[in-house]
C-alpha atoms as a PDB file:
ATOM      1  CA  MET A   1       0.000   0.000   0.000  1.00  0.00           C
ATOM      2  CA  PRO A   2       1.422   3.419  -0.879  1.00  0.00           C
ATOM      3  CA  LEU A   3       2.363   5.579   2.103  1.00  0.00           C
ATOM      4  CA  GLU A   4      -0.056   8.291   0.966  1.00  0.00           C
ATOM      5  CA  ASP A   5      -2.972   5.842   1.098  1.00  0.00           C
ATOM      6  CA  ALA A   6      -1.945   4.560   4.523  1.00  0.00           C
ATOM      7  CA  ALA A   7      -1.651   8.131   5.824  1.00  0.00           C
ATOM      8  CA  SER A   8      -5.120   8.966   4.471  1.00  0.00           C
ATOM      9  CA  ILE A   9      -6.637   5.904   6.111  1.00  0.00           C
ATOM     10  CA  LEU A  10      -4.984   6.685   9.456  1.00  0.00           C
ATOM     11  CA  ALA A  11      -6.185  10.307   9.279  1.00  0.00           C
ATOM     12  CA  ALA A  12      -9.733   9.115   8.565  1.00  0.00           C
ATOM     13  CA  LEU A  13      -9.638   6.686  11.491  1.00  0.00           C
ATOM     14  CA  ASP A  14      -8.323   9.451  13.770  1.00  0.00           C
ATOM     15  CA  ARG A  15     -11.200  11.697  12.642  1.00  0.00           C
ATOM     16  CA  ILE A  16     -13.793   9.005  13.330  1.00  0.00           C
ATOM     17  CA  ALA A  17     -12.280   8.252  16.752  1.00  0.00           C
ATOM     18  CA  SER A  18     -12.226  11.931  17.717  1.00  0.00           C
ATOM     19  CA  ASP A  19     -15.894  12.554  16.780  1.00  0.00           C
ATOM     20  CA  PRO A  20     -18.230   9.668  17.706  1.00  0.00           C
ATOM     21  CA  GLY A  21     -21.167  11.724  16.407  1.00  0.00           C
ATOM     22  CA  LEU A  22     -19.999  11.141  12.834  1.00  0.00           C
ATOM     23  CA  SER A  23     -21.097   7.512  12.921  1.00  0.00           C
ATOM     24  CA  GLN A  24     -24.526   8.443  14.292  1.00  0.00           C
ATOM     25  CA  GLN A  25     -24.909  11.174  11.671  1.00  0.00           C
ATOM     26  CA  LEU A  26     -23.996   8.716   8.916  1.00  0.00           C
ATOM     27  CA  HIS A  27     -26.576   6.172  10.099  1.00  0.00           C
ATOM     28  CA  GLU A  28     -29.276   8.867  10.375  1.00  0.00           C
ATOM     29  CA  LYS A  29     -28.632  10.125   6.838  1.00  0.00           C
ATOM     30  CA  ASN A  30     -28.539   6.599   5.443  1.00  0.00           C
ATOM     31  CA  SER A  31     -31.816   5.729   7.189  1.00  0.00           C
ATOM     32  CA  TYR A  32     -33.423   8.932   5.890  1.00  0.00           C
ATOM     33  CA  PHE A  33     -32.435   8.093   2.297  1.00  0.00           C
ATOM     34  CA  ARG A  34     -33.675   4.499   2.643  1.00  0.00           C
ATOM     35  CA  ARG A  35     -37.014   5.621   4.114  1.00  0.00           C
ATOM     36  CA  GLN A  36     -37.606   8.040   1.244  1.00  0.00           C
ATOM     37  CA  LEU A  37     -36.884   5.404  -1.389  1.00  0.00           C
ATOM     38  CA  THR A  38     -38.941   2.754   0.381  1.00  0.00           C
ATOM     39  CA  MET A  39     -41.942   5.111   0.651  1.00  0.00           C
ATOM     40  CA  LEU A  40     -41.741   5.659  -3.112  1.00  0.00           C
ATOM     41  CA  GLY A  41     -41.811   1.914  -3.721  1.00  0.00           C
ATOM     42  CA  PHE A  42     -38.251   1.194  -4.835  1.00  0.00           C
ATOM     43  CA  ASP A  43     -37.025  -2.366  -4.214  1.00  0.00           C
ATOM     44  CA  LEU A  44     -34.126  -2.037  -1.768  1.00  0.00           C
ATOM     45  CA  GLY A  45     -34.125  -5.678  -0.825  1.00  0.00           C
ATOM     46  CA  THR A  46     -32.987  -6.613   2.651  1.00  0.00           C
ATOM     47  CA  SER A  47     -29.677  -4.740   2.622  1.00  0.00           C
ATOM     48  CA  ARG A  48     -28.652  -3.081   5.886  1.00  0.00           C
ATOM     49  CA  SER A  49     -25.173  -1.980   4.819  1.00  0.00           C
ATOM     50  CA  PRO A  50     -24.186   1.654   4.185  1.00  0.00           C
ATOM     51  CA  ILE A  51     -24.576   0.874   0.476  1.00  0.00           C
ATOM     52  CA  VAL A  52     -28.168   1.467  -0.669  1.00  0.00           C
ATOM     53  CA  PRO A  53     -29.167  -0.711  -3.646  1.00  0.00           C
ATOM     54  CA  ILE A  54     -32.107  -0.261  -5.983  1.00  0.00           C
ATOM     55  CA  TYR A  55     -32.927  -3.598  -7.616  1.00  0.00           C
ATOM     56  CA  SER A  56     -34.399  -4.234 -11.061  1.00  0.00           C
ATOM     57  CA  ARG A  57     -35.114  -7.248 -13.244  1.00  0.00           C
ATOM     58  CA  ASP A  58     -34.240  -5.265 -16.391  1.00  0.00           C
ATOM     59  CA  PRO A  59     -30.487  -4.610 -16.556  1.00  0.00           C
ATOM     60  CA  GLN A  60     -30.663  -2.796 -19.925  1.00  0.00           C
ATOM     61  CA  MET A  61     -33.241  -0.361 -18.566  1.00  0.00           C
ATOM     62  CA  LEU A  62     -31.162   0.038 -15.426  1.00  0.00           C
ATOM     63  CA  MET A  63     -28.129   1.096 -17.472  1.00  0.00           C
ATOM     64  CA  GLU A  64     -30.197   3.783 -19.229  1.00  0.00           C
ATOM     65  CA  PHE A  65     -31.666   4.837 -15.873  1.00  0.00           C
ATOM     66  CA  ASN A  66     -28.127   5.223 -14.537  1.00  0.00           C
ATOM     67  CA  ARG A  67     -27.046   7.256 -17.598  1.00  0.00           C
ATOM     68  CA  GLU A  68     -29.890   9.679 -16.898  1.00  0.00           C
ATOM     69  CA  LEU A  69     -28.832   9.909 -13.254  1.00  0.00           C
ATOM     70  CA  PHE A  70     -25.343  10.847 -14.395  1.00  0.00           C
ATOM     71  CA  LYS A  71     -26.763  13.526 -16.713  1.00  0.00           C
ATOM     72  CA  ALA A  72     -28.594  14.895 -13.659  1.00  0.00           C
ATOM     73  CA  ARG A  73     -25.204  15.046 -11.891  1.00  0.00           C
ATOM     74  CA  ILE A  74     -25.956  12.131  -9.558  1.00  0.00           C
ATOM     75  CA  PHE A  75     -23.280   9.457  -9.391  1.00  0.00           C
ATOM     76  CA  SER A  76     -24.164   5.835  -8.805  1.00  0.00           C
ATOM     77  CA  VAL A  77     -22.820   2.464  -9.835  1.00  0.00           C
ATOM     78  CA  SER A  78     -24.747  -0.064 -11.924  1.00  0.00           C
ATOM     79  CA  ILE A  79     -24.158  -3.733 -11.237  1.00  0.00           C
ATOM     80  CA  VAL A  80     -25.317  -6.060 -14.041  1.00  0.00           C
ATOM     81  CA  TYR A  81     -24.290  -9.250 -15.854  1.00  0.00           C
ATOM     82  CA  PRO A  82     -21.750 -10.874 -15.570  1.00  0.00           C
ATOM     83  CA  ALA A  83     -21.542  -9.800 -11.907  1.00  0.00           C
ATOM     84  CA  LEU A  84     -25.209 -10.816 -11.511  1.00  0.00           C
ATOM     85  CA  LYS A  85     -27.609 -13.111 -13.344  1.00  0.00           C
ATOM     86  CA  ALA A  86     -28.611 -11.934 -16.830  1.00  0.00           C
ATOM     87  CA  ASN A  87     -32.077 -10.834 -15.652  1.00  0.00           C
ATOM     88  CA  GLU A  88     -30.940  -8.980 -12.530  1.00  0.00           C
ATOM     89  CA  GLY A  89     -29.414  -5.612 -11.891  1.00  0.00           C
ATOM     90  CA  ARG A  90     -29.028  -2.957  -9.270  1.00  0.00           C
ATOM     91  CA  ILE A  91     -27.815   0.565  -8.822  1.00  0.00           C
ATOM     92  CA  ARG A  92     -25.808   1.297  -5.696  1.00  0.00           C
ATOM     93  CA  PHE A  93     -25.688   4.525  -3.715  1.00  0.00           C
ATOM     94  CA  ILE A  94     -23.400   5.469  -0.865  1.00  0.00           C
ATOM     95  CA  VAL A  95     -24.551   8.183   1.540  1.00  0.00           C
ATOM     96  CA  ASN A  96     -21.850   9.978   3.495  1.00  0.00           C
ATOM     97  CA  THR A  97     -21.837  12.575   6.259  1.00  0.00           C
ATOM     98  CA  ALA A  98     -20.904  15.347   3.801  1.00  0.00           C
ATOM     99  CA  HIS A  99     -24.202  14.904   1.940  1.00  0.00           C
ATOM    100  CA  SER A 100     -26.779  17.469   3.016  1.00  0.00           C
ATOM    101  CA  TYR A 101     -30.464  16.655   3.413  1.00  0.00           C
ATOM    102  CA  ASP A 102     -31.127  19.054   0.511  1.00  0.00           C
ATOM    103  CA  GLN A 103     -28.817  16.971  -1.695  1.00  0.00           C
ATOM    104  CA  THR A 104     -30.546  13.802  -0.555  1.00  0.00           C
ATOM    105  CA  ASP A 105     -33.977  15.295  -1.267  1.00  0.00           C
ATOM    106  CA  ARG A 106     -32.839  16.375  -4.750  1.00  0.00           C
ATOM    107  CA  THR A 107     -31.504  12.877  -5.417  1.00  0.00           C
ATOM    108  CA  VAL A 108     -34.778  11.351  -4.247  1.00  0.00           C
ATOM    109  CA  ALA A 109     -36.763  13.741  -6.502  1.00  0.00           C
ATOM    110  CA  VAL A 110     -34.682  12.725  -9.541  1.00  0.00           C
ATOM    111  CA  LEU A 111     -34.986   9.047  -8.600  1.00  0.00           C
ATOM    112  CA  LYS A 112     -38.752   9.433  -8.278  1.00  0.00           C
ATOM    113  CA  ALA A 113     -39.064  11.018 -11.735  1.00  0.00           C
ATOM    114  CA  LEU A 114     -36.860   8.373 -13.339  1.00  0.00           C
ATOM    115  CA  GLY A 115     -38.490   5.580 -11.329  1.00  0.00           C
ATOM    116  CA  LEU A 116     -41.863   6.588 -12.743  1.00  0.00           C
ATOM    117  CA  LYS A 117     -40.480   7.026 -16.259  1.00  0.00           C
ATOM    118  CA  TYR A 118     -38.830   3.590 -16.255  1.00  0.00           C
ATOM    119  CA  ARG A 119     -41.630   1.941 -14.270  1.00  0.00           C
ATOM    120  CA  LEU A 120     -39.489   0.941 -11.305  1.00  0.00           C
ATOM    121  CA  ILE A 121     -42.158   2.513  -9.096  1.00  0.00           C
ATOM    122  CA  GLY A 122     -45.788   3.485  -9.449  1.00  0.00           C
ATOM    123  CA  ARG A 123     -47.157   0.188 -10.729  1.00  0.00           C
ATOM    124  CA  ARG A 124     -48.570  -2.906  -9.123  1.00  0.00           C
ATOM    125  CA  ARG A 125     -45.894  -5.510  -8.601  1.00  0.00           C
ATOM    126  CA  ASP A 126     -47.767  -7.891  -6.298  1.00  0.00           C
ATOM    127  CA  HIS A 127     -47.205 -10.822  -8.667  1.00  0.00           C
ATOM    128  CA  LEU A 128     -43.414 -10.396  -8.708  1.00  0.00           C
ATOM    129  CA  THR A 129     -40.910 -11.563  -6.146  1.00  0.00           C
ATOM    130  CA  PRO A 130     -38.696  -8.521  -5.519  1.00  0.00           C
ATOM    131  CA  VAL A 131     -35.168  -9.151  -6.723  1.00  0.00           C
ATOM    132  CA  GLY A 132     -33.750  -7.870  -3.430  1.00  0.00           C
ATOM    133  CA  THR A 133     -35.495 -10.603  -1.464  1.00  0.00           C
ATOM    134  CA  LEU A 134     -33.686 -13.379  -3.314  1.00  0.00           C
ATOM    135  CA  GLY A 135     -30.876 -13.388  -0.762  1.00  0.00           C
ATOM    136  CA  LYS A 136     -28.503 -11.123  -2.676  1.00  0.00           C
ATOM    137  CA  VAL A 137     -25.960  -9.047  -0.787  1.00  0.00           C
ATOM    138  CA  SER A 138     -25.259  -5.506  -1.988  1.00  0.00           C
END
């Protein structure tokens, strides 16, 4: 590991150790983001990690969805085949303490608009088993 990387990691650990409120703030912001997405009807699966996934059974659509997110200046990572089965996909988000609630709300608003456009939310899905409940880990 390069010395610069090791020094950065040690500085980050020192910062976390010196301010225990950072961890609580991170968990509160992550929970807020998850609640907003869940209320809109996005499939987040059973993930409890700091990474927030949105699952889909249409990887091609998910890639286009992610391109539109990028155009809206929202960065996320798409995970599709061959990392997953051909009919599965997910977009991953990472909330950090530097994100403001205004930024989170803007992200949720863009996700809502795209979720409706691409039919990830706003339709009956009672007959489908959500991808996120198939035991996948994000």
